[in-house]
Amino acid sequence: MESPPERPPGHVAVVFVHGMGEQRRYADSAQLATRLAWHAGAAAPRVGLTWDDGEGPADRRPRAKAVLTAALEGRDVVFHDIYWAPLVAGRTTFRSLVRWLRGRSFRPLGSLLARWASQPELKISTLQEDKDALSAVETALLDDYLAFAELARSRAGALKEGHFGAFLTFLEARQAQAGGAGGMGLSTAKEKAARHWLGRFRWVLWLTMLRSLPLLLALGAAILAMPLIAAWLVAHAVHPPRDPLAIARTLGVLALWLGAFPFARLLVQTLGDVEVYATYTEASERHAAHEAVVAQAVSVLRRALTDPACARVVLVGHSLGSVVAWDGLRALALECASGGPLTPLALARLDRVVTYGSPIDKIRFFHFMDDKNDPTFAKVLEVLRVDTRFGVFGARPDGLAWDNYYDPADLVAGRLESPNDRTMTAPVRNVAVANRAFPDPFTSHMAYIDNPKVLDGILDAIAGAPRPAPSSPRALRPRAWATAAELLVPTALLCYFLVHSLLPLVLRAGQGDPLGYLALILLLATLFVFA
């Protein structure tokens, strides 16, 4: 084993945050280092040892740690690994995950029914969605909306209801107070933009629920089918088929039934991490795991940012790791802005953020959003809000330089708007990529590390090269519809089998058939468990 210098002077630090699942320590960061070296035609990464004194989170006991270094783009690069998998492992079950998914899938419905003045951050991110900049009218409309929301939160006067009609009235009154500056043309343009915003907001939330429908249907049909297939297999064991085609079908159903159990475990290992980590409500017992993960991210990021031998830091996050990276970065930005130990000079070393397969804008629906917040509490939330123009990032021409790569075929990932500053003077640059020639919802999420466009983006970030151009919001959109079809087709087949072959078995209970009673008991037990 080679023993390179632990921290080459003037090096670039790549802080990597792995995604969901039962990851092994160093495995994902080592894979990233290897892929970058291969893609750049550079020498293989070197591995050395350093001593970690264990300062920081409780899980960081003193230990010898591996240090990955590489020479990329003419620069010495040191890789730091934010390893958080053990902190959320084993904290959920399949039953809990299903009930959590069911509840969260309809969270947008509550936002649809809420007042127009409520949940402003969600409204604003919708206004920014599928855009690279706001128009002058939209920027002025945003200022009006923030003033309207602040007045509506006081629950006093004509605006206390906070509905959309009151917002239009507020726009007219504010235009009159300004002495009609901009004329009727501006007033009409604002009203038109406001109505378009409302329509867009409603469409986005309905589309969000529609996109979750294939997954919910597939999961629901599978859960109902599992006990009935067990009874169906028992029936075929009692009365074995003689036709070769029927025998083959029975064996095929048995294989699928057995394969469902490891698939359910895989869901717990992956989506279960989202359930545990996305517990932003501090009163929940699972919030301790969330805090431990953020503490780990803050500790590793702080170590890289305060290293005197480090010239620049590039933060890279995959999947749920991008959410961990953003939460850790927000914590440090608030620390810096509030006069904490981290200095502005240290935070300024963060040169670029690169995310791929990121669900940050889907996680926004998991936040607790209270429609009854008073104006003072709203100001508290505003002070704690971090975006691409917050603190030291506001002094940069492009703010916090954030490049996000997403494959429309990836069910987890998507475009990012919620980290943007409100007027979009420093928006996240969303770049659409195709990870596989065939859009596969299951493998697309894991294939970013092999995509040349993503690797080029990370290498450019390491080199300090210009950022990539953002993609059109409609880029590669057919891949998204293809993945929906790939889920709906097997779901439709499963539903047909459920209705055509399994439910008749349940109905046989009315005829006194013991196998029918077995199917009915299993179905009722399943409904009781997952209700």
Protein backbone atom coordinates (compact mmCIF):
# COMPACT_ATOMS: atom_id res chain seq x y z
CA MET A 1 0.00 0.00 0.00
CA GLU A 2 1.29 3.45 -0.95
CA SER A 3 1.61 6.15 1.68
CA PRO A 4 0.94 9.50 0.01
CA PRO A 5 0.89 12.76 1.95
CA GLU A 6 -2.31 13.01 3.90
CA ARG A 7 -3.13 16.51 2.63
CA PRO A 8 -1.06 17.76 -0.31
CA PRO A 9 -0.58 21.56 -0.06
CA GLY A 10 -3.05 23.49 -2.18
CA HIS A 11 -5.14 20.44 -2.93
CA VAL A 12 -8.79 20.24 -3.93
CA ALA A 13 -11.00 18.39 -1.44
CA VAL A 14 -13.88 16.35 -2.85
CA VAL A 15 -16.39 15.70 -0.06
CA PHE A 16 -18.64 12.85 -1.18
CA VAL A 17 -21.98 11.82 0.38
CA HIS A 18 -23.27 8.37 -0.59
CA GLY A 19 -26.89 7.56 -1.36
CA MET A 20 -29.48 5.37 0.33
CA GLY A 21 -28.99 1.69 1.06
CA GLU A 22 -26.66 -0.48 3.13
CA GLN A 23 -23.44 1.08 1.85
CA ARG A 24 -19.98 0.06 3.01
CA ARG A 25 -17.51 2.58 4.37
CA TYR A 26 -15.25 3.99 1.61
CA ALA A 27 -16.97 1.88 -1.09
CA ASP A 28 -18.84 4.64 -2.93
CA SER A 29 -16.15 7.31 -2.57
CA ALA A 30 -13.54 4.82 -3.79
CA GLN A 31 -15.72 3.99 -6.78
CA LEU A 32 -16.10 7.69 -7.57
CA ALA A 33 -12.34 8.23 -7.37
CA THR A 34 -11.72 5.24 -9.63
CA ARG A 35 -14.29 6.30 -12.25
CA LEU A 36 -12.94 9.86 -12.32
CA ALA A 37 -9.37 8.60 -12.77
CA TRP A 38 -10.40 6.24 -15.57
CA HIS A 39 -12.44 8.90 -17.33
CA ALA A 40 -9.65 11.48 -17.07
CA GLY A 41 -7.00 9.01 -18.21
CA ALA A 42 -5.11 9.61 -14.97
CA ALA A 43 -3.18 7.26 -12.72
CA ALA A 44 -5.14 5.08 -10.33
CA PRO A 45 -6.04 6.73 -7.00
CA ARG A 46 -3.57 6.20 -4.18
CA VAL A 47 -4.50 4.89 -0.74
CA GLY A 48 -2.78 5.87 2.47
CA LEU A 49 -3.46 6.02 6.21
CA THR A 50 -4.17 8.81 8.65
CA TRP A 51 -5.16 8.88 12.31
CA ASP A 52 -8.61 10.21 13.22
CA ASP A 53 -8.75 11.48 16.80
CA GLY A 54 -12.50 10.89 16.93
CA GLU A 55 -13.52 14.49 17.57
CA GLY A 56 -17.09 15.17 16.50
CA PRO A 57 -20.15 12.88 16.52
CA ALA A 58 -20.29 10.00 18.96
CA ASP A 59 -19.84 7.40 16.21
CA ARG A 60 -16.43 8.85 15.31
CA ARG A 61 -14.27 6.88 17.71
CA PRO A 62 -10.49 7.23 17.34
CA ARG A 63 -9.41 5.01 14.47
CA ALA A 64 -7.02 4.66 11.57
CA LYS A 65 -8.66 5.92 8.40
CA ALA A 66 -7.95 5.34 4.76
CA VAL A 67 -7.06 8.41 2.70
CA LEU A 68 -7.83 8.44 -1.02
CA THR A 69 -5.87 10.84 -3.21
CA ALA A 70 -5.60 11.25 -6.97
CA ALA A 71 -4.02 13.55 -9.53
CA LEU A 72 -6.95 14.83 -11.63
CA GLU A 73 -7.03 17.71 -14.09
CA GLY A 74 -3.52 18.71 -13.04
CA ARG A 75 -4.51 19.01 -9.38
CA ASP A 76 -3.99 16.96 -6.25
CA VAL A 77 -7.37 15.78 -5.04
CA VAL A 78 -8.18 14.40 -1.58
CA PHE A 79 -11.47 12.50 -1.17
CA HIS A 80 -13.47 12.82 2.04
CA ASP A 81 -16.27 10.35 2.72
CA ILE A 82 -19.42 11.31 4.65
CA TYR A 83 -20.51 7.83 5.66
CA TRP A 84 -23.95 7.80 7.30
CA ALA A 85 -25.55 4.42 6.44
CA PRO A 86 -25.22 2.85 9.95
CA LEU A 87 -26.92 5.83 11.57
CA VAL A 88 -30.29 5.06 9.94
CA ALA A 89 -30.01 1.29 9.48
CA GLY A 90 -32.59 -0.98 11.11
CA ARG A 91 -34.91 1.83 12.19
CA THR A 92 -37.95 0.92 10.10
CA THR A 93 -39.98 -2.03 8.83
CA PHE A 94 -41.82 -2.84 5.64
CA ARG A 95 -45.16 -2.15 7.31
CA SER A 96 -44.00 1.23 8.58
CA LEU A 97 -42.55 2.10 5.17
CA VAL A 98 -45.79 1.28 3.34
CA ARG A 99 -47.88 3.34 5.75
CA TRP A 100 -45.43 6.23 5.49
CA LEU A 101 -45.46 6.15 1.68
CA ARG A 102 -49.24 6.06 1.64
CA GLY A 103 -49.52 9.09 3.89
CA ARG A 104 -46.83 11.15 2.18
CA SER A 105 -48.11 10.46 -1.33
CA PHE A 106 -51.22 12.50 -0.59
CA ARG A 107 -49.41 15.31 1.23
CA PRO A 108 -49.70 17.56 -1.89
CA LEU A 109 -53.49 17.34 -1.52
CA GLY A 110 -53.24 19.21 1.78
CA SER A 111 -51.19 21.90 0.05
CA LEU A 112 -53.87 22.23 -2.62
CA LEU A 113 -56.54 22.83 0.02
CA ALA A 114 -54.46 25.29 2.04
CA ARG A 115 -54.74 29.08 1.82
CA TRP A 116 -52.87 30.83 -0.96
CA ALA A 117 -50.93 32.81 1.67
CA SER A 118 -49.70 29.65 3.40
CA GLN A 119 -46.63 27.55 2.64
CA PRO A 120 -44.86 30.36 0.76
CA GLU A 121 -41.66 28.39 0.14
CA LEU A 122 -43.63 25.72 -1.71
CA LYS A 123 -45.45 28.39 -3.74
CA ILE A 124 -42.18 30.12 -4.63
CA SER A 125 -40.41 26.91 -5.69
CA THR A 126 -43.39 26.20 -7.94
CA LEU A 127 -43.09 29.67 -9.49
CA GLN A 128 -39.43 28.89 -10.23
CA GLU A 129 -40.07 25.37 -11.50
CA ASP A 130 -38.89 24.58 -15.04
CA LYS A 131 -37.29 28.03 -15.36
CA ASP A 132 -33.72 29.30 -15.45
CA ALA A 133 -34.72 32.86 -14.50
CA LEU A 134 -37.74 34.91 -13.46
CA SER A 135 -39.14 37.66 -15.65
CA ALA A 136 -39.38 41.25 -14.38
CA VAL A 137 -43.14 40.84 -13.88
CA GLU A 138 -42.66 37.58 -11.95
CA THR A 139 -39.99 39.19 -9.73
CA ALA A 140 -42.34 42.09 -8.92
CA LEU A 141 -45.19 39.63 -8.34
CA LEU A 142 -43.00 37.68 -5.92
CA ASP A 143 -42.35 40.82 -3.86
CA ASP A 144 -46.10 41.44 -3.74
CA TYR A 145 -46.79 37.86 -2.68
CA LEU A 146 -44.30 37.96 0.21
CA ALA A 147 -45.88 41.19 1.48
CA PHE A 148 -49.35 39.65 1.10
CA ALA A 149 -48.34 36.47 2.98
CA GLU A 150 -46.90 38.51 5.85
CA LEU A 151 -50.13 40.50 6.22
CA ALA A 152 -52.32 37.42 5.89
CA ARG A 153 -50.42 35.65 8.66
CA SER A 154 -51.53 38.35 11.09
CA ARG A 155 -55.10 37.05 10.63
CA ALA A 156 -56.43 40.62 10.79
CA GLY A 157 -58.22 42.88 8.34
CA ALA A 158 -59.56 42.08 4.88
CA LEU A 159 -56.67 39.79 4.04
CA LYS A 160 -57.03 37.46 7.03
CA GLU A 161 -58.53 34.65 4.93
CA GLY A 162 -55.42 34.63 2.73
CA HIS A 163 -57.16 33.12 -0.30
CA PHE A 164 -56.25 33.81 -3.91
CA GLY A 165 -59.07 36.32 -4.44
CA ALA A 166 -57.68 38.37 -1.55
CA PHE A 167 -54.27 38.27 -3.23
CA LEU A 168 -55.72 39.78 -6.42
CA THR A 169 -57.40 42.49 -4.34
CA PHE A 170 -54.07 43.13 -2.60
CA LEU A 171 -52.34 43.50 -5.97
CA GLU A 172 -54.84 46.15 -7.06
CA ALA A 173 -54.51 48.04 -3.77
CA ARG A 174 -50.74 47.98 -3.87
CA GLN A 175 -50.69 49.18 -7.45
CA ALA A 176 -52.94 52.07 -6.44
CA GLN A 177 -50.66 52.92 -3.50
CA ALA A 178 -47.75 53.10 -5.91
CA GLY A 179 -49.62 55.78 -7.81
CA GLY A 180 -50.26 53.50 -10.75
CA ALA A 181 -46.55 53.21 -11.54
CA GLY A 182 -46.17 51.07 -14.61
CA GLY A 183 -49.74 51.81 -15.70
CA MET A 184 -52.60 49.44 -16.32
CA GLY A 185 -50.31 47.30 -18.43
CA LEU A 186 -48.24 46.27 -15.40
CA SER A 187 -51.35 45.66 -13.31
CA THR A 188 -52.86 43.45 -16.00
CA ALA A 189 -49.57 41.62 -16.51
CA LYS A 190 -49.29 40.92 -12.78
CA GLU A 191 -52.84 39.60 -12.57
CA LYS A 192 -52.26 37.39 -15.59
CA ALA A 193 -48.98 36.11 -14.12
CA ALA A 194 -50.69 35.48 -10.76
CA ARG A 195 -53.47 33.43 -12.36
CA HIS A 196 -50.90 31.47 -14.35
CA TRP A 197 -48.97 30.88 -11.12
CA LEU A 198 -52.09 29.52 -9.42
CA GLY A 199 -52.81 27.21 -12.36
CA ARG A 200 -49.20 26.08 -12.44
CA PHE A 201 -49.21 25.40 -8.70
CA ARG A 202 -52.33 23.27 -8.94
CA TRP A 203 -50.99 21.38 -11.96
CA VAL A 204 -47.65 20.67 -10.28
CA LEU A 205 -49.29 19.23 -7.17
CA TRP A 206 -51.74 17.10 -9.14
CA LEU A 207 -48.89 15.91 -11.34
CA THR A 208 -46.85 15.05 -8.24
CA MET A 209 -49.64 12.82 -6.98
CA LEU A 210 -50.14 11.38 -10.48
CA ARG A 211 -46.45 10.47 -10.71
CA SER A 212 -46.65 8.61 -7.42
CA LEU A 213 -49.70 6.67 -8.61
CA PRO A 214 -47.82 3.93 -10.54
CA LEU A 215 -45.64 3.15 -7.53
CA LEU A 216 -48.60 3.17 -5.14
CA LEU A 217 -50.68 0.97 -7.43
CA ALA A 218 -47.82 -1.50 -7.87
CA LEU A 219 -47.13 -1.62 -4.15
CA GLY A 220 -50.80 -1.90 -3.18
CA ALA A 221 -51.54 -4.61 -5.73
CA ALA A 222 -48.47 -6.56 -4.64
CA ILE A 223 -49.40 -6.37 -0.96
CA LEU A 224 -52.94 -7.60 -1.61
CA ALA A 225 -51.75 -10.28 -4.02
CA MET A 226 -49.10 -11.80 -1.74
CA PRO A 227 -51.43 -13.57 0.73
CA LEU A 228 -53.86 -14.55 -2.02
CA ILE A 229 -51.06 -16.03 -4.11
CA ALA A 230 -50.04 -18.08 -1.07
CA ALA A 231 -53.59 -19.48 -0.85
CA TRP A 232 -53.62 -19.97 -4.63
CA LEU A 233 -50.39 -21.97 -4.44
CA VAL A 234 -51.83 -24.08 -1.61
CA ALA A 235 -54.90 -24.77 -3.78
CA HIS A 236 -52.65 -25.85 -6.65
CA ALA A 237 -50.68 -28.05 -4.27
CA VAL A 238 -53.88 -29.74 -3.09
CA HIS A 239 -55.19 -30.06 -6.61
CA PRO A 240 -52.05 -30.09 -8.78
CA PRO A 241 -52.53 -29.12 -12.43
CA ARG A 242 -51.79 -31.69 -15.11
CA ASP A 243 -51.54 -29.46 -18.14
CA PRO A 244 -47.86 -28.56 -18.88
CA LEU A 245 -48.80 -24.91 -19.50
CA ALA A 246 -50.65 -24.73 -16.17
CA ILE A 247 -47.69 -26.36 -14.39
CA ALA A 248 -45.33 -23.81 -15.94
CA ARG A 249 -47.61 -20.95 -14.88
CA THR A 250 -47.77 -22.29 -11.31
CA LEU A 251 -43.98 -22.54 -11.11
CA GLY A 252 -43.64 -19.03 -12.52
CA VAL A 253 -46.07 -17.62 -9.96
CA LEU A 254 -44.17 -19.46 -7.19
CA ALA A 255 -40.87 -17.95 -8.35
CA LEU A 256 -42.36 -14.42 -8.40
CA TRP A 257 -43.90 -14.96 -4.98
CA LEU A 258 -40.60 -16.07 -3.48
CA GLY A 259 -38.78 -13.18 -5.19
CA ALA A 260 -41.13 -10.65 -3.58
CA PHE A 261 -39.59 -11.18 -0.13
CA PRO A 262 -36.02 -10.07 -0.99
CA PHE A 263 -37.53 -7.22 -3.04
CA ALA A 264 -39.47 -6.04 0.03
CA ARG A 265 -36.24 -6.15 2.05
CA LEU A 266 -34.54 -4.09 -0.68
CA LEU A 267 -37.27 -1.45 -0.40
CA VAL A 268 -36.72 -1.24 3.35
CA GLN A 269 -32.96 -0.88 2.84
CA THR A 270 -33.38 1.96 0.32
CA LEU A 271 -36.66 3.85 0.70
CA GLY A 272 -36.54 3.08 4.42
CA ASP A 273 -33.57 5.43 4.65
CA VAL A 274 -35.74 8.21 3.21
CA GLU A 275 -38.47 7.49 5.75
CA VAL A 276 -36.02 7.73 8.65
CA TYR A 277 -33.94 10.66 7.41
CA ALA A 278 -36.87 12.78 6.20
CA THR A 279 -38.15 13.06 9.79
CA TYR A 280 -37.82 16.82 10.12
CA THR A 281 -40.28 17.01 13.02
CA GLU A 282 -38.00 17.31 16.04
CA ALA A 283 -40.52 15.77 18.45
CA SER A 284 -40.35 12.45 16.59
CA GLU A 285 -38.21 9.69 18.07
CA ARG A 286 -36.63 9.15 14.64
CA HIS A 287 -35.35 12.70 14.49
CA ALA A 288 -32.33 11.62 16.56
CA ALA A 289 -31.14 9.55 13.59
CA HIS A 290 -31.62 12.54 11.29
CA GLU A 291 -29.59 14.76 13.62
CA ALA A 292 -26.81 12.17 13.87
CA VAL A 293 -26.51 12.04 10.08
CA VAL A 294 -26.41 15.85 9.79
CA ALA A 295 -23.81 15.98 12.58
CA GLN A 296 -21.65 13.53 10.66
CA ALA A 297 -21.98 15.63 7.49
CA VAL A 298 -21.13 18.83 9.36
CA SER A 299 -18.09 17.24 10.98
CA VAL A 300 -16.54 15.98 7.73
CA LEU A 301 -17.38 19.16 5.81
CA ARG A 302 -15.89 21.32 8.58
CA ARG A 303 -12.69 19.27 8.53
CA ALA A 304 -12.29 19.83 4.79
CA LEU A 305 -13.20 23.53 4.88
CA THR A 306 -10.87 24.37 7.78
CA ASP A 307 -7.90 22.41 6.45
CA PRO A 308 -5.19 25.06 5.80
CA ALA A 309 -3.68 22.87 3.09
CA CYS A 310 -6.97 22.86 1.13
CA ALA A 311 -7.44 25.45 -1.61
CA ARG A 312 -10.97 24.58 -2.74
CA VAL A 313 -13.77 22.19 -1.73
CA VAL A 314 -16.16 20.43 -4.09
CA LEU A 315 -19.23 18.87 -2.44
CA VAL A 316 -20.67 15.87 -4.31
CA GLY A 317 -23.88 14.09 -3.31
CA HIS A 318 -25.76 11.14 -4.81
CA SER A 319 -29.43 10.37 -4.20
CA LEU A 320 -30.47 10.90 -0.58
CA GLY A 321 -26.84 11.85 0.05
CA SER A 322 -27.53 15.12 -1.80
CA VAL A 323 -30.18 15.94 0.83
CA VAL A 324 -27.68 15.11 3.59
CA ALA A 325 -25.12 17.35 1.86
CA TRP A 326 -27.58 20.24 1.60
CA ASP A 327 -28.69 19.93 5.23
CA GLY A 328 -25.08 19.80 6.42
CA LEU A 329 -24.15 22.78 4.26
CA ARG A 330 -27.12 24.77 5.55
CA ALA A 331 -26.06 24.06 9.13
CA LEU A 332 -22.55 25.37 8.43
CA ALA A 333 -23.85 28.41 6.54
CA LEU A 334 -26.04 29.33 9.52
CA GLU A 335 -23.11 28.75 11.88
CA CYS A 336 -20.95 31.08 9.82
CA ALA A 337 -23.65 33.78 9.54
CA SER A 338 -24.42 33.70 13.27
CA GLY A 339 -20.82 34.28 14.36
CA GLY A 340 -20.08 30.63 15.13
CA PRO A 341 -16.67 28.95 14.97
CA LEU A 342 -16.69 28.51 11.17
CA THR A 343 -15.29 31.65 9.55
CA PRO A 344 -16.54 33.18 6.27
CA LEU A 345 -13.08 32.60 4.81
CA ALA A 346 -13.34 28.86 5.50
CA LEU A 347 -16.87 28.58 4.06
CA ALA A 348 -15.75 30.52 0.99
CA ARG A 349 -13.50 27.56 0.14
CA LEU A 350 -16.63 25.71 -0.97
CA ASP A 351 -16.32 26.26 -4.70
CA ARG A 352 -18.92 23.98 -6.25
CA VAL A 353 -21.79 21.64 -5.34
CA VAL A 354 -22.51 18.74 -7.70
CA THR A 355 -25.52 16.50 -7.14
CA TYR A 356 -26.90 13.63 -9.19
CA GLY A 357 -30.00 11.52 -8.69
CA SER A 358 -31.14 14.11 -6.13
CA PRO A 359 -34.64 14.02 -4.53
CA ILE A 360 -34.30 17.37 -2.72
CA ASP A 361 -37.39 18.87 -4.35
CA LYS A 362 -39.38 15.73 -3.50
CA ILE A 363 -38.24 15.89 0.13
CA ARG A 364 -39.83 19.37 0.35
CA PHE A 365 -43.22 17.69 0.72
CA PHE A 366 -42.02 15.92 3.87
CA HIS A 367 -41.37 19.16 5.75
CA PHE A 368 -43.89 20.15 8.36
CA MET A 369 -45.66 23.27 7.04
CA ASP A 370 -47.95 25.02 9.53
CA ASP A 371 -50.68 27.24 8.12
CA LYS A 372 -51.19 28.95 11.48
CA ASN A 373 -47.73 30.41 11.97
CA ASP A 374 -47.85 33.95 13.32
CA PRO A 375 -45.78 36.73 11.74
CA THR A 376 -43.04 36.52 14.36
CA PHE A 377 -42.56 32.78 13.90
CA ALA A 378 -42.56 33.33 10.13
CA LYS A 379 -39.66 35.76 10.61
CA VAL A 380 -37.86 33.12 12.67
CA LEU A 381 -38.19 30.66 9.80
CA GLU A 382 -37.04 33.35 7.36
CA VAL A 383 -33.88 34.05 9.38
CA LEU A 384 -33.06 30.31 9.37
CA ARG A 385 -33.66 29.97 5.62
CA VAL A 386 -30.57 29.25 3.49
CA ASP A 387 -30.38 29.51 -0.29
CA THR A 388 -27.85 30.00 -3.09
CA ARG A 389 -27.46 33.70 -2.14
CA PHE A 390 -27.16 33.21 1.61
CA GLY A 391 -24.25 34.68 3.57
CA VAL A 392 -20.85 34.53 1.89
CA PHE A 393 -22.42 33.05 -1.26
CA GLY A 394 -24.23 36.34 -1.91
CA ALA A 395 -20.93 38.07 -2.70
CA ARG A 396 -20.26 35.76 -5.66
CA PRO A 397 -21.55 36.70 -9.13
CA ASP A 398 -23.23 33.28 -9.50
CA GLY A 399 -23.93 32.72 -5.80
CA LEU A 400 -23.48 29.14 -4.63
CA ALA A 401 -22.46 27.30 -7.81
CA TRP A 402 -24.68 24.20 -7.84
CA ASP A 403 -24.93 21.77 -10.77
CA ASN A 404 -27.58 19.06 -10.61
CA TYR A 405 -27.68 16.06 -12.96
CA TYR A 406 -30.89 14.08 -13.30
CA ASP A 407 -32.20 11.32 -15.53
CA PRO A 408 -35.95 11.73 -16.22
CA ALA A 409 -36.14 7.92 -16.15
CA ASP A 410 -35.01 8.00 -12.51
CA LEU A 411 -38.04 7.87 -10.20
CA VAL A 412 -36.05 9.31 -7.30
CA ALA A 413 -34.35 12.25 -9.02
CA GLY A 414 -35.58 15.44 -10.61
CA ARG A 415 -34.86 19.07 -11.28
CA LEU A 416 -34.03 21.25 -8.26
CA GLU A 417 -35.60 24.63 -7.51
CA SER A 418 -36.08 24.79 -3.74
CA PRO A 419 -32.39 25.70 -2.96
CA ASN A 420 -32.59 28.72 -5.33
CA ASP A 421 -32.53 32.28 -4.09
CA ARG A 422 -36.02 33.70 -4.45
CA THR A 423 -35.39 35.93 -7.44
CA MET A 424 -33.32 33.23 -9.20
CA THR A 425 -30.24 35.38 -9.69
CA ALA A 426 -28.19 32.28 -8.82
CA PRO A 427 -30.31 29.26 -9.80
CA VAL A 428 -29.26 25.64 -9.59
CA ARG A 429 -28.23 24.49 -13.08
CA ASN A 430 -30.23 21.38 -13.92
CA VAL A 431 -28.70 19.10 -16.55
CA ALA A 432 -30.69 16.19 -17.99
CA VAL A 433 -28.75 13.00 -18.76
CA ALA A 434 -29.59 9.55 -20.09
CA ASN A 435 -27.91 6.91 -17.93
CA ARG A 436 -28.98 3.94 -20.02
CA ALA A 437 -30.04 3.64 -23.65
CA PHE A 438 -33.24 2.01 -22.38
CA PRO A 439 -35.04 4.02 -19.66
CA ASP A 440 -35.13 1.69 -16.68
CA PRO A 441 -36.61 3.08 -13.46
CA PHE A 442 -34.60 0.66 -11.31
CA THR A 443 -31.07 0.87 -12.73
CA SER A 444 -31.11 4.48 -13.95
CA HIS A 445 -30.73 5.74 -10.40
CA MET A 446 -27.48 3.84 -9.84
CA ALA A 447 -25.88 4.52 -13.25
CA TYR A 448 -24.85 8.18 -12.87
CA ILE A 449 -21.35 7.13 -11.87
CA ASP A 450 -20.87 5.61 -15.34
CA ASN A 451 -22.30 8.57 -17.27
CA PRO A 452 -19.54 10.55 -19.07
CA LYS A 453 -21.53 13.78 -18.80
CA VAL A 454 -21.71 13.48 -15.00
CA LEU A 455 -18.03 12.56 -14.70
CA ASP A 456 -17.09 15.51 -16.93
CA GLY A 457 -19.14 17.79 -14.66
CA ILE A 458 -17.31 16.62 -11.54
CA LEU A 459 -13.92 16.90 -13.22
CA ASP A 460 -14.77 20.42 -14.40
CA ALA A 461 -15.73 21.31 -10.84
CA ILE A 462 -12.38 19.98 -9.61
CA ALA A 463 -10.54 21.99 -12.28
CA GLY A 464 -12.57 25.14 -11.66
CA ALA A 465 -13.73 25.07 -15.28
CA PRO A 466 -16.92 26.83 -16.49
CA ARG A 467 -20.18 25.30 -15.36
CA PRO A 468 -22.40 23.29 -17.73
CA ALA A 469 -25.28 24.93 -19.56
CA PRO A 470 -28.69 24.07 -18.10
CA SER A 471 -30.96 21.71 -20.03
CA SER A 472 -34.40 22.52 -21.29
CA PRO A 473 -37.10 21.44 -18.79
CA ARG A 474 -38.50 19.23 -21.55
CA ALA A 475 -35.19 17.51 -22.30
CA LEU A 476 -35.45 13.71 -22.44
CA ARG A 477 -39.03 13.87 -21.12
CA PRO A 478 -40.13 10.72 -23.03
CA ARG A 479 -37.86 8.74 -20.69
CA ALA A 480 -40.10 9.75 -17.76
CA TRP A 481 -43.23 8.50 -19.51
CA ALA A 482 -41.43 5.27 -20.44
CA THR A 483 -40.61 4.52 -16.80
CA ALA A 484 -44.22 5.19 -15.80
CA ALA A 485 -45.35 2.71 -18.46
CA GLU A 486 -42.81 0.14 -17.24
CA LEU A 487 -44.43 0.29 -13.81
CA LEU A 488 -48.02 0.45 -15.01
CA VAL A 489 -47.82 -2.51 -17.41
CA PRO A 490 -46.72 -5.11 -14.81
CA THR A 491 -49.08 -3.50 -12.31
CA ALA A 492 -51.95 -3.92 -14.76
CA LEU A 493 -51.00 -7.57 -15.30
CA LEU A 494 -50.84 -8.14 -11.56
CA CYS A 495 -54.24 -6.48 -11.08
CA TYR A 496 -55.70 -8.69 -13.84
CA PHE A 497 -54.31 -11.80 -12.14
CA LEU A 498 -55.65 -10.52 -8.82
CA VAL A 499 -59.18 -10.07 -10.18
CA HIS A 500 -59.27 -13.02 -12.58
CA SER A 501 -57.56 -15.76 -10.54
CA LEU A 502 -57.17 -14.67 -6.90
CA LEU A 503 -60.42 -12.97 -5.92
CA PRO A 504 -62.52 -15.94 -7.15
CA LEU A 505 -60.56 -18.02 -4.64
CA VAL A 506 -61.75 -15.69 -1.87
CA LEU A 507 -65.35 -15.92 -3.11
CA ARG A 508 -65.17 -19.69 -2.69
CA ALA A 509 -65.38 -19.09 1.07
CA GLY A 510 -69.07 -18.40 0.53
CA GLN A 511 -69.41 -21.94 -0.79
CA GLY A 512 -67.80 -23.42 2.31
CA ASP A 513 -64.48 -24.21 0.57
CA PRO A 514 -61.68 -24.45 3.19
CA LEU A 515 -59.19 -22.97 0.69
CA GLY A 516 -61.55 -20.04 0.22
CA TYR A 517 -61.63 -19.50 3.99
CA LEU A 518 -57.83 -19.61 4.01
CA ALA A 519 -57.62 -16.95 1.30
CA LEU A 520 -60.18 -14.76 3.07
CA ILE A 521 -58.41 -14.98 6.44
CA LEU A 522 -55.04 -14.15 4.87
CA LEU A 523 -56.53 -11.17 2.99
CA LEU A 524 -58.23 -9.77 6.10
CA ALA A 525 -55.04 -10.20 8.13
CA THR A 526 -53.06 -8.29 5.47
CA LEU A 527 -55.59 -5.46 5.39
CA PHE A 528 -55.44 -5.25 9.19
CA VAL A 529 -51.64 -5.09 9.23
CA PHE A 530 -51.27 -2.43 6.54
CA ALA A 531 -54.41 -0.38 7.21
